[in-house]
């Protein structure tokens, strides 16, 4: 595996990494309505369907580690691949999306 590839994580691995990683940034790439229905605590909403999505991603600190999720893992996978193309080094995808998440959600 090269330095620049999206890393797929199971929910248990994802959960442990976001707890242990002091440089973790948790990104919810779903819509605002989905986010309001329930999200992983401390996650930042960046709607992949928003026209400003790429501009918003470009403003992020490339020295941080990004943990992405969506409903099923598809949109976050696409967003993660985009981040890798934009030069981000440490990008992780919750492979099951929030559907596989069994920990408490915030509203």
PDB file of N, CA and C in Angstrom:
ATOM      1  N   UNK A   1       0.843  -1.187   0.000  1.00  0.00           N
ATOM      2  CA  UNK A   1       0.000   0.000   0.000  1.00  0.00           C
ATOM      3  C   UNK A   1       0.883   1.243   0.000  1.00  0.00           C
ATOM      4  N   UNK A   2       0.581   2.179  -0.857  1.00  0.00           N
ATOM      5  CA  UNK A   2       1.374   3.404  -0.936  1.00  0.00           C
ATOM      6  C   UNK A   2       0.956   4.368   0.152  1.00  0.00           C
ATOM      7  N   UNK A   3       1.740   5.434   0.307  1.00  0.00           N
ATOM      8  CA  UNK A   3       1.418   6.471   1.275  1.00  0.00           C
ATOM      9  C   UNK A   3       0.064   7.100   0.994  1.00  0.00           C
ATOM     10  N   UNK A   4      -0.256   7.209  -0.289  1.00  0.00           N
ATOM     11  CA  UNK A   4      -1.445   7.954  -0.679  1.00  0.00           C
ATOM     12  C   UNK A   4      -2.558   7.050  -1.141  1.00  0.00           C
ATOM     13  N   UNK A   5      -3.181   6.373  -0.193  1.00  0.00           N
ATOM     14  CA  UNK A   5      -4.368   5.614  -0.561  1.00  0.00           C
ATOM     15  C   UNK A   5      -5.365   5.694   0.580  1.00  0.00           C
ATOM     16  N   UNK A   6      -6.602   5.613   0.213  1.00  0.00           N
ATOM     17  CA  UNK A   6      -7.694   5.661   1.175  1.00  0.00           C
ATOM     18  C   UNK A   6      -7.709   4.349   1.949  1.00  0.00           C
ATOM     19  N   UNK A   7      -7.816   4.438   3.264  1.00  0.00           N
ATOM     20  CA  UNK A   7      -7.809   3.247   4.112  1.00  0.00           C
ATOM     21  C   UNK A   7      -9.226   2.969   4.590  1.00  0.00           C
ATOM     22  N   UNK A   8      -9.700   1.763   4.283  1.00  0.00           N
ATOM     23  CA  UNK A   8     -11.043   1.343   4.683  1.00  0.00           C
ATOM     24  C   UNK A   8     -10.979   0.737   6.084  1.00  0.00           C
ATOM     25  N   UNK A   9     -11.895   1.156   6.954  1.00  0.00           N
ATOM     26  CA  UNK A   9     -11.915   0.641   8.322  1.00  0.00           C
ATOM     27  C   UNK A   9     -13.296   0.100   8.676  1.00  0.00           C
ATOM     28  N   UNK A  10     -13.297  -0.994   9.435  1.00  0.00           N
ATOM     29  CA  UNK A  10     -14.530  -1.523  10.029  1.00  0.00           C
ATOM     30  C   UNK A  10     -14.949  -0.569  11.156  1.00  0.00           C
ATOM     31  N   UNK A  11     -16.231  -0.589  11.550  1.00  0.00           N
ATOM     32  CA  UNK A  11     -16.680   0.328  12.610  1.00  0.00           C
ATOM     33  C   UNK A  11     -15.854   0.261  13.897  1.00  0.00           C
ATOM     34  N   UNK A  12     -15.477  -0.925  14.351  1.00  0.00           N
ATOM     35  CA  UNK A  12     -14.721  -1.029  15.605  1.00  0.00           C
ATOM     36  C   UNK A  12     -13.334  -0.389  15.478  1.00  0.00           C
ATOM     37  N   UNK A  13     -12.670  -0.605  14.330  1.00  0.00           N
ATOM     38  CA  UNK A  13     -11.354   0.011  14.095  1.00  0.00           C
ATOM     39  C   UNK A  13     -11.486   1.532  13.998  1.00  0.00           C
ATOM     40  N   UNK A  14     -12.505   1.964  13.268  1.00  0.00           N
ATOM     41  CA  UNK A  14     -12.761   3.394  13.063  1.00  0.00           C
ATOM     42  C   UNK A  14     -12.962   4.072  14.413  1.00  0.00           C
ATOM     43  N   UNK A  15     -13.786   3.473  15.246  1.00  0.00           N
ATOM     44  CA  UNK A  15     -14.091   4.007  16.564  1.00  0.00           C
ATOM     45  C   UNK A  15     -12.824   4.132  17.413  1.00  0.00           C
ATOM     46  N   UNK A  16     -12.014   3.071  17.415  1.00  0.00           N
ATOM     47  CA  UNK A  16     -10.791   3.084  18.227  1.00  0.00           C
ATOM     48  C   UNK A  16      -9.808   4.139  17.735  1.00  0.00           C
ATOM     49  N   UNK A  17      -9.650   4.243  16.426  1.00  0.00           N
ATOM     50  CA  UNK A  17      -8.699   5.200  15.863  1.00  0.00           C
ATOM     51  C   UNK A  17      -9.105   6.646  16.175  1.00  0.00           C
ATOM     52  N   UNK A  18     -10.412   6.968  16.061  1.00  0.00           N
ATOM     53  CA  UNK A  18     -10.795   8.355  16.333  1.00  0.00           C
ATOM     54  C   UNK A  18     -10.640   8.689  17.815  1.00  0.00           C
ATOM     55  N   UNK A  19     -10.673   7.687  18.672  1.00  0.00           N
ATOM     56  CA  UNK A  19     -10.447   7.927  20.109  1.00  0.00           C
ATOM     57  C   UNK A  19      -8.960   8.116  20.405  1.00  0.00           C
ATOM     58  N   UNK A  20      -8.110   7.369  19.704  1.00  0.00           N
ATOM     59  CA  UNK A  20      -6.680   7.356  20.006  1.00  0.00           C
ATOM     60  C   UNK A  20      -5.880   8.418  19.260  1.00  0.00           C
ATOM     61  N   UNK A  21      -6.401   8.931  18.169  1.00  0.00           N
ATOM     62  CA  UNK A  21      -5.655   9.817  17.273  1.00  0.00           C
ATOM     63  C   UNK A  21      -5.861  11.279  17.664  1.00  0.00           C
ATOM     64  N   UNK A  22      -4.805  11.916  18.189  1.00  0.00           N
ATOM     65  CA  UNK A  22      -4.921  13.321  18.601  1.00  0.00           C
ATOM     66  C   UNK A  22      -5.055  14.261  17.404  1.00  0.00           C
ATOM     67  N   UNK A  23      -4.708  13.786  16.212  1.00  0.00           N
ATOM     68  CA  UNK A  23      -4.827  14.600  14.995  1.00  0.00           C
ATOM     69  C   UNK A  23      -6.069  14.258  14.176  1.00  0.00           C
ATOM     70  N   UNK A  24      -7.003  13.555  14.785  1.00  0.00           N
ATOM     71  CA  UNK A  24      -8.194  13.106  14.048  1.00  0.00           C
ATOM     72  C   UNK A  24      -9.155  14.256  13.772  1.00  0.00           C
ATOM     73  N   UNK A  25      -9.659  14.288  12.541  1.00  0.00           N
ATOM     74  CA  UNK A  25     -10.759  15.170  12.168  1.00  0.00           C
ATOM     75  C   UNK A  25     -11.827  14.263  11.580  1.00  0.00           C
ATOM     76  N   UNK A  26     -13.017  14.301  12.178  1.00  0.00           N
ATOM     77  CA  UNK A  26     -14.105  13.429  11.776  1.00  0.00           C
ATOM     78  C   UNK A  26     -15.042  14.192  10.854  1.00  0.00           C
ATOM     79  N   UNK A  27     -15.178  13.720   9.618  1.00  0.00           N
ATOM     80  CA  UNK A  27     -16.014  14.401   8.629  1.00  0.00           C
ATOM     81  C   UNK A  27     -17.232  13.561   8.256  1.00  0.00           C
ATOM     82  N   UNK A  28     -18.397  14.188   8.397  1.00  0.00           N
ATOM     83  CA  UNK A  28     -19.662  13.604   7.950  1.00  0.00           C
ATOM     84  C   UNK A  28     -19.948  14.243   6.597  1.00  0.00           C
ATOM     85  N   UNK A  29     -19.945  13.442   5.523  1.00  0.00           N
ATOM     86  CA  UNK A  29     -20.135  14.014   4.183  1.00  0.00           C
ATOM     87  C   UNK A  29     -21.578  13.875   3.693  1.00  0.00           C
ATOM     88  N   UNK A  30     -22.495  13.611   4.625  1.00  0.00           N
ATOM     89  CA  UNK A  30     -23.912  13.485   4.273  1.00  0.00           C
ATOM     90  C   UNK A  30     -24.557  14.872   4.163  1.00  0.00           C
ATOM     91  N   UNK A  31     -25.865  14.873   3.934  1.00  0.00           N
ATOM     92  CA  UNK A  31     -26.612  16.128   3.838  1.00  0.00           C
ATOM     93  C   UNK A  31     -26.912  16.673   5.241  1.00  0.00           C
ATOM     94  N   UNK A  32     -27.212  17.957   5.354  1.00  0.00           N
ATOM     95  CA  UNK A  32     -27.574  18.510   6.671  1.00  0.00           C
ATOM     96  C   UNK A  32     -28.743  17.770   7.325  1.00  0.00           C
ATOM     97  N   UNK A  33     -29.757  17.369   6.552  1.00  0.00           N
ATOM     98  CA  UNK A  33     -30.883  16.634   7.138  1.00  0.00           C
ATOM     99  C   UNK A  33     -30.443  15.305   7.728  1.00  0.00           C
ATOM    100  N   UNK A  34     -29.579  14.594   6.998  1.00  0.00           N
ATOM    101  CA  UNK A  34     -29.070  13.313   7.506  1.00  0.00           C
ATOM    102  C   UNK A  34     -28.263  13.542   8.782  1.00  0.00           C
ATOM    103  N   UNK A  35     -27.433  14.577   8.764  1.00  0.00           N
ATOM    104  CA  UNK A  35     -26.592  14.905   9.919  1.00  0.00           C
ATOM    105  C   UNK A  35     -27.460  15.195  11.144  1.00  0.00           C
ATOM    106  N   UNK A  36     -28.538  15.952  10.932  1.00  0.00           N
ATOM    107  CA  UNK A  36     -29.427  16.317  12.036  1.00  0.00           C
ATOM    108  C   UNK A  36     -30.188  15.129  12.594  1.00  0.00           C
ATOM    109  N   UNK A  37     -30.377  14.092  11.772  1.00  0.00           N
ATOM    110  CA  UNK A  37     -31.063  12.881  12.232  1.00  0.00           C
ATOM    111  C   UNK A  37     -30.205  12.079  13.206  1.00  0.00           C
ATOM    112  N   UNK A  38     -28.918  12.339  13.212  1.00  0.00           N
ATOM    113  CA  UNK A  38     -28.009  11.642  14.116  1.00  0.00           C
ATOM    114  C   UNK A  38     -26.646  11.519  13.490  1.00  0.00           C
ATOM    115  N   UNK A  39     -25.611  11.913  14.247  1.00  0.00           N
ATOM    116  CA  UNK A  39     -24.242  11.863  13.721  1.00  0.00           C
ATOM    117  C   UNK A  39     -23.291  11.385  14.808  1.00  0.00           C
ATOM    118  N   UNK A  40     -22.129  10.941  14.381  1.00  0.00           N
ATOM    119  CA  UNK A  40     -21.097  10.521  15.324  1.00  0.00           C
ATOM    120  C   UNK A  40     -20.626  11.768  16.078  1.00  0.00           C
ATOM    121  N   UNK A  41     -20.544  11.702  17.412  1.00  0.00           N
ATOM    122  CA  UNK A  41     -20.134  12.878  18.190  1.00  0.00           C
ATOM    123  C   UNK A  41     -18.817  13.481  17.686  1.00  0.00           C
ATOM    124  N   UNK A  42     -18.750  14.802  17.725  1.00  0.00           N
ATOM    125  CA  UNK A  42     -17.571  15.593  17.333  1.00  0.00           C
ATOM    126  C   UNK A  42     -17.300  15.588  15.826  1.00  0.00           C
ATOM    127  N   UNK A  43     -18.269  15.171  15.036  1.00  0.00           N
ATOM    128  CA  UNK A  43     -18.033  15.189  13.585  1.00  0.00           C
ATOM    129  C   UNK A  43     -18.421  16.538  12.994  1.00  0.00           C
ATOM    130  N   UNK A  44     -17.716  16.885  11.934  1.00  0.00           N
ATOM    131  CA  UNK A  44     -17.923  18.137  11.218  1.00  0.00           C
ATOM    132  C   UNK A  44     -18.670  17.802   9.925  1.00  0.00           C
ATOM    133  N   UNK A  45     -19.739  18.529   9.655  1.00  0.00           N
ATOM    134  CA  UNK A  45     -20.526  18.279   8.449  1.00  0.00           C
ATOM    135  C   UNK A  45     -19.890  18.979   7.251  1.00  0.00           C
ATOM    136  N   UNK A  46     -19.639  18.206   6.195  1.00  0.00           N
ATOM    137  CA  UNK A  46     -19.191  18.755   4.914  1.00  0.00           C
ATOM    138  C   UNK A  46     -19.942  17.998   3.834  1.00  0.00           C
ATOM    139  N   UNK A  47     -21.089  18.533   3.446  1.00  0.00           N
ATOM    140  CA  UNK A  47     -21.992  17.893   2.497  1.00  0.00           C
ATOM    141  C   UNK A  47     -21.312  17.723   1.134  1.00  0.00           C
ATOM    142  N   UNK A  48     -21.144  16.461   0.730  1.00  0.00           N
ATOM    143  CA  UNK A  48     -20.479  16.177  -0.546  1.00  0.00           C
ATOM    144  C   UNK A  48     -21.271  16.731  -1.731  1.00  0.00           C
ATOM    145  N   UNK A  49     -22.573  16.943  -1.566  1.00  0.00           N
ATOM    146  CA  UNK A  49     -23.399  17.481  -2.647  1.00  0.00           C
ATOM    147  C   UNK A  49     -23.354  19.010  -2.724  1.00  0.00           C
ATOM    148  N   UNK A  50     -22.735  19.652  -1.736  1.00  0.00           N
ATOM    149  CA  UNK A  50     -22.645  21.114  -1.720  1.00  0.00           C
ATOM    150  C   UNK A  50     -21.678  21.580  -2.806  1.00  0.00           C
ATOM    151  N   UNK A  51     -22.034  22.640  -3.515  1.00  0.00           N
ATOM    152  CA  UNK A  51     -21.160  23.158  -4.579  1.00  0.00           C
ATOM    153  C   UNK A  51     -19.797  23.582  -4.046  1.00  0.00           C
ATOM    154  N   UNK A  52     -19.739  23.981  -2.785  1.00  0.00           N
ATOM    155  CA  UNK A  52     -18.477  24.456  -2.197  1.00  0.00           C
ATOM    156  C   UNK A  52     -17.642  23.319  -1.609  1.00  0.00           C
ATOM    157  N   UNK A  53     -18.087  22.066  -1.785  1.00  0.00           N
ATOM    158  CA  UNK A  53     -17.413  20.944  -1.132  1.00  0.00           C
ATOM    159  C   UNK A  53     -15.916  20.897  -1.432  1.00  0.00           C
ATOM    160  N   UNK A  54     -15.539  20.971  -2.696  1.00  0.00           N
ATOM    161  CA  UNK A  54     -14.113  20.880  -3.053  1.00  0.00           C
ATOM    162  C   UNK A  54     -13.341  22.064  -2.470  1.00  0.00           C
ATOM    163  N   UNK A  55     -13.925  23.263  -2.548  1.00  0.00           N
ATOM    164  CA  UNK A  55     -13.269  24.437  -1.961  1.00  0.00           C
ATOM    165  C   UNK A  55     -13.090  24.258  -0.461  1.00  0.00           C
ATOM    166  N   UNK A  56     -14.115  23.730   0.209  1.00  0.00           N
ATOM    167  CA  UNK A  56     -14.034  23.518   1.653  1.00  0.00           C
ATOM    168  C   UNK A  56     -12.956  22.496   1.994  1.00  0.00           C
ATOM    169  N   UNK A  57     -12.881  21.420   1.221  1.00  0.00           N
ATOM    170  CA  UNK A  57     -11.852  20.400   1.433  1.00  0.00           C
ATOM    171  C   UNK A  57     -10.457  21.014   1.271  1.00  0.00           C
ATOM    172  N   UNK A  58     -10.297  21.846   0.246  1.00  0.00           N
ATOM    173  CA  UNK A  58      -8.987  22.470  -0.038  1.00  0.00           C
ATOM    174  C   UNK A  58      -8.486  23.306   1.145  1.00  0.00           C
ATOM    175  N   UNK A  59      -9.408  23.829   1.966  1.00  0.00           N
ATOM    176  CA  UNK A  59      -9.033  24.689   3.094  1.00  0.00           C
ATOM    177  C   UNK A  59      -8.574  23.898   4.317  1.00  0.00           C
ATOM    178  N   UNK A  60      -8.770  22.573   4.291  1.00  0.00           N
ATOM    179  CA  UNK A  60      -8.424  21.761   5.459  1.00  0.00           C
ATOM    180  C   UNK A  60      -6.911  21.586   5.606  1.00  0.00           C
ATOM    181  N   UNK A  61      -6.483  21.393   6.835  1.00  0.00           N
ATOM    182  CA  UNK A  61      -5.075  21.187   7.169  1.00  0.00           C
ATOM    183  C   UNK A  61      -4.634  19.796   6.714  1.00  0.00           C
ATOM    184  N   UNK A  62      -3.687  19.751   5.786  1.00  0.00           N
ATOM    185  CA  UNK A  62      -3.245  18.459   5.259  1.00  0.00           C
ATOM    186  C   UNK A  62      -2.386  17.666   6.244  1.00  0.00           C
ATOM    187  N   UNK A  63      -2.030  18.253   7.378  1.00  0.00           N
ATOM    188  CA  UNK A  63      -1.255  17.536   8.391  1.00  0.00           C
ATOM    189  C   UNK A  63      -2.134  16.747   9.362  1.00  0.00           C
ATOM    190  N   UNK A  64      -3.439  16.908   9.235  1.00  0.00           N
ATOM    191  CA  UNK A  64      -4.361  16.175  10.106  1.00  0.00           C
ATOM    192  C   UNK A  64      -4.721  14.834   9.472  1.00  0.00           C
ATOM    193  N   UNK A  65      -5.350  13.978  10.268  1.00  0.00           N
ATOM    194  CA  UNK A  65      -5.829  12.675   9.798  1.00  0.00           C
ATOM    195  C   UNK A  65      -7.345  12.748   9.692  1.00  0.00           C
ATOM    196  N   UNK A  66      -7.879  12.394   8.550  1.00  0.00           N
ATOM    197  CA  UNK A  66      -9.304  12.556   8.287  1.00  0.00           C
ATOM    198  C   UNK A  66     -10.039  11.223   8.286  1.00  0.00           C
ATOM    199  N   UNK A  67     -11.114  11.195   9.044  1.00  0.00           N
ATOM    200  CA  UNK A  67     -11.972  10.020   9.185  1.00  0.00           C
ATOM    201  C   UNK A  67     -13.328  10.398   8.616  1.00  0.00           C
ATOM    202  N   UNK A  68     -13.709   9.761   7.523  1.00  0.00           N
ATOM    203  CA  UNK A  68     -14.917  10.130   6.792  1.00  0.00           C
ATOM    204  C   UNK A  68     -15.993   9.076   6.946  1.00  0.00           C
ATOM    205  N   UNK A  69     -17.231   9.556   6.987  1.00  0.00           N
ATOM    206  CA  UNK A  69     -18.350   8.622   6.958  1.00  0.00           C
ATOM    207  C   UNK A  69     -19.556   9.261   6.286  1.00  0.00           C
ATOM    208  N   UNK A  70     -20.460   8.391   5.828  1.00  0.00           N
ATOM    209  CA  UNK A  70     -21.739   8.809   5.250  1.00  0.00           C
ATOM    210  C   UNK A  70     -22.768   7.770   5.703  1.00  0.00           C
ATOM    211  N   UNK A  71     -23.803   7.562   4.924  1.00  0.00           N
ATOM    212  CA  UNK A  71     -24.832   6.606   5.328  1.00  0.00           C
ATOM    213  C   UNK A  71     -24.352   5.165   5.172  1.00  0.00           C
ATOM    214  N   UNK A  72     -23.792   4.845   3.989  1.00  0.00           N
ATOM    215  CA  UNK A  72     -23.435   3.447   3.710  1.00  0.00           C
ATOM    216  C   UNK A  72     -21.953   3.236   3.404  1.00  0.00           C
ATOM    217  N   UNK A  73     -21.182   4.315   3.289  1.00  0.00           N
ATOM    218  CA  UNK A  73     -19.756   4.193   2.975  1.00  0.00           C
ATOM    219  C   UNK A  73     -19.411   4.588   1.552  1.00  0.00           C
ATOM    220  N   UNK A  74     -20.409   4.805   0.711  1.00  0.00           N
ATOM    221  CA  UNK A  74     -20.157   5.113  -0.701  1.00  0.00           C
ATOM    222  C   UNK A  74     -19.718   6.562  -0.909  1.00  0.00           C
ATOM    223  N   UNK A  75     -20.499   7.521  -0.423  1.00  0.00           N
ATOM    224  CA  UNK A  75     -20.134   8.932  -0.601  1.00  0.00           C
ATOM    225  C   UNK A  75     -18.831   9.257   0.115  1.00  0.00           C
ATOM    226  N   UNK A  76     -18.643   8.681   1.316  1.00  0.00           N
ATOM    227  CA  UNK A  76     -17.402   8.967   2.046  1.00  0.00           C
ATOM    228  C   UNK A  76     -16.199   8.361   1.322  1.00  0.00           C
ATOM    229  N   UNK A  77     -16.403   7.218   0.661  1.00  0.00           N
ATOM    230  CA  UNK A  77     -15.331   6.631  -0.140  1.00  0.00           C
ATOM    231  C   UNK A  77     -14.966   7.584  -1.281  1.00  0.00           C
ATOM    232  N   UNK A  78     -15.974   8.101  -1.975  1.00  0.00           N
ATOM    233  CA  UNK A  78     -15.715   9.040  -3.077  1.00  0.00           C
ATOM    234  C   UNK A  78     -15.025  10.305  -2.569  1.00  0.00           C
ATOM    235  N   UNK A  79     -15.482  10.826  -1.440  1.00  0.00           N
ATOM    236  CA  UNK A  79     -14.867  12.027  -0.860  1.00  0.00           C
ATOM    237  C   UNK A  79     -13.420  11.744  -0.454  1.00  0.00           C
ATOM    238  N   UNK A  80     -13.190  10.571   0.102  1.00  0.00           N
ATOM    239  CA  UNK A  80     -11.837  10.186   0.506  1.00  0.00           C
ATOM    240  C   UNK A  80     -10.898  10.083  -0.675  1.00  0.00           C
ATOM    241  N   UNK A  81     -11.374   9.490  -1.762  1.00  0.00           N
ATOM    242  CA  UNK A  81     -10.555   9.380  -2.971  1.00  0.00           C
ATOM    243  C   UNK A  81     -10.209  10.775  -3.492  1.00  0.00           C
ATOM    244  N   UNK A  82     -11.168  11.674  -3.459  1.00  0.00           N
ATOM    245  CA  UNK A  82     -10.939  13.055  -3.878  1.00  0.00           C
ATOM    246  C   UNK A  82      -9.861  13.706  -3.000  1.00  0.00           C
ATOM    247  N   UNK A  83      -9.951  13.490  -1.684  1.00  0.00           N
ATOM    248  CA  UNK A  83      -8.967  14.077  -0.772  1.00  0.00           C
ATOM    249  C   UNK A  83      -7.564  13.544  -1.067  1.00  0.00           C
ATOM    250  N   UNK A  84      -7.455  12.252  -1.358  1.00  0.00           N
ATOM    251  CA  UNK A  84      -6.152  11.664  -1.713  1.00  0.00           C
ATOM    252  C   UNK A  84      -5.613  12.351  -2.974  1.00  0.00           C
ATOM    253  N   UNK A  85      -6.476  12.542  -3.975  1.00  0.00           N
ATOM    254  CA  UNK A  85      -6.051  13.208  -5.216  1.00  0.00           C
ATOM    255  C   UNK A  85      -5.602  14.640  -4.947  1.00  0.00           C
ATOM    256  N   UNK A  86      -6.196  15.273  -3.935  1.00  0.00           N
ATOM    257  CA  UNK A  86      -5.840  16.654  -3.599  1.00  0.00           C
ATOM    258  C   UNK A  86      -4.604  16.736  -2.696  1.00  0.00           C
ATOM    259  N   UNK A  87      -4.003  15.602  -2.389  1.00  0.00           N
ATOM    260  CA  UNK A  87      -2.737  15.614  -1.657  1.00  0.00           C
ATOM    261  C   UNK A  87      -2.829  15.318  -0.170  1.00  0.00           C
ATOM    262  N   UNK A  88      -3.993  14.908   0.314  1.00  0.00           N
ATOM    263  CA  UNK A  88      -4.093  14.513   1.722  1.00  0.00           C
ATOM    264  C   UNK A  88      -3.455  13.137   1.878  1.00  0.00           C
ATOM    265  N   UNK A  89      -2.748  12.933   2.990  1.00  0.00           N
ATOM    266  CA  UNK A  89      -1.987  11.700   3.183  1.00  0.00           C
ATOM    267  C   UNK A  89      -2.754  10.649   3.986  1.00  0.00           C
ATOM    268  N   UNK A  90      -3.424  11.055   5.062  1.00  0.00           N
ATOM    269  CA  UNK A  90      -4.036  10.100   5.980  1.00  0.00           C
ATOM    270  C   UNK A  90      -5.546  10.268   5.977  1.00  0.00           C
ATOM    271  N   UNK A  91      -6.201   9.438   5.155  1.00  0.00           N
ATOM    272  CA  UNK A  91      -7.651   9.515   4.987  1.00  0.00           C
ATOM    273  C   UNK A  91      -8.222   8.111   5.203  1.00  0.00           C
ATOM    274  N   UNK A  92      -9.215   8.046   6.084  1.00  0.00           N
ATOM    275  CA  UNK A  92      -9.827   6.778   6.466  1.00  0.00           C
ATOM    276  C   UNK A  92     -11.319   6.832   6.184  1.00  0.00           C
ATOM    277  N   UNK A  93     -11.866   5.724   5.719  1.00  0.00           N
ATOM    278  CA  UNK A  93     -13.289   5.646   5.413  1.00  0.00           C
ATOM    279  C   UNK A  93     -13.949   4.600   6.303  1.00  0.00           C
ATOM    280  N   UNK A  94     -15.080   4.975   6.910  1.00  0.00           N
ATOM    281  CA  UNK A  94     -15.902   4.014   7.643  1.00  0.00           C
ATOM    282  C   UNK A  94     -16.628   3.173   6.599  1.00  0.00           C
ATOM    283  N   UNK A  95     -16.145   1.941   6.378  1.00  0.00           N
ATOM    284  CA  UNK A  95     -16.572   1.171   5.207  1.00  0.00           C
ATOM    285  C   UNK A  95     -18.048   0.789   5.211  1.00  0.00           C
ATOM    286  N   UNK A  96     -18.679   0.749   6.357  1.00  0.00           N
ATOM    287  CA  UNK A  96     -20.102   0.391   6.426  1.00  0.00           C
ATOM    288  C   UNK A  96     -20.989   1.631   6.475  1.00  0.00           C
ATOM    289  N   UNK A  97     -20.357   2.794   6.581  1.00  0.00           N
ATOM    290  CA  UNK A  97     -21.128   4.010   6.818  1.00  0.00           C
ATOM    291  C   UNK A  97     -21.782   3.964   8.183  1.00  0.00           C
ATOM    292  N   UNK A  98     -22.636   4.925   8.428  1.00  0.00           N
ATOM    293  CA  UNK A  98     -23.279   5.027   9.737  1.00  0.00           C
ATOM    294  C   UNK A  98     -24.253   3.868   9.962  1.00  0.00           C
ATOM    295  N   UNK A  99     -24.651   3.189   8.877  1.00  0.00           N
ATOM    296  CA  UNK A  99     -25.538   2.029   9.011  1.00  0.00           C
ATOM    297  C   UNK A  99     -24.893   0.926   9.849  1.00  0.00           C
ATOM    298  N   UNK A 100     -23.566   0.835   9.806  1.00  0.00           N
ATOM    299  CA  UNK A 100     -22.864  -0.199  10.573  1.00  0.00           C
ATOM    300  C   UNK A 100     -22.375   0.275  11.925  1.00  0.00           C
ATOM    301  N   UNK A 101     -22.636   1.521  12.262  1.00  0.00           N
ATOM    302  CA  UNK A 101     -22.145   2.125  13.503  1.00  0.00           C
ATOM    303  C   UNK A 101     -23.081   1.719  14.637  1.00  0.00           C
ATOM    304  N   UNK A 102     -22.548   1.134  15.705  1.00  0.00           N
ATOM    305  CA  UNK A 102     -23.424   0.707  16.788  1.00  0.00           C
ATOM    306  C   UNK A 102     -23.205   1.480  18.088  1.00  0.00           C
ATOM    307  N   UNK A 103     -22.491   2.599  17.990  1.00  0.00           N
ATOM    308  CA  UNK A 103     -22.288   3.432  19.169  1.00  0.00           C
ATOM    309  C   UNK A 103     -23.300   4.569  19.157  1.00  0.00           C
ATOM    310  N   UNK A 104     -23.463   5.250  20.309  1.00  0.00           N
ATOM    311  CA  UNK A 104     -24.467   6.334  20.371  1.00  0.00           C
ATOM    312  C   UNK A 104     -24.191   7.458  19.382  1.00  0.00           C
ATOM    313  N   UNK A 105     -25.259   8.024  18.862  1.00  0.00           N
ATOM    314  CA  UNK A 105     -25.176   9.151  17.960  1.00  0.00           C
ATOM    315  C   UNK A 105     -25.676  10.413  18.666  1.00  0.00           C
ATOM    316  N   UNK A 106     -25.202  11.555  18.202  1.00  0.00           N
ATOM    317  CA  UNK A 106     -25.670  12.846  18.695  1.00  0.00           C
ATOM    318  C   UNK A 106     -26.736  13.345  17.729  1.00  0.00           C
ATOM    319  N   UNK A 107     -27.651  14.155  18.257  1.00  0.00           N
ATOM    320  CA  UNK A 107     -28.656  14.785  17.373  1.00  0.00           C
ATOM    321  C   UNK A 107     -28.429  16.280  17.372  1.00  0.00           C
TER     322      UNK A 107
END
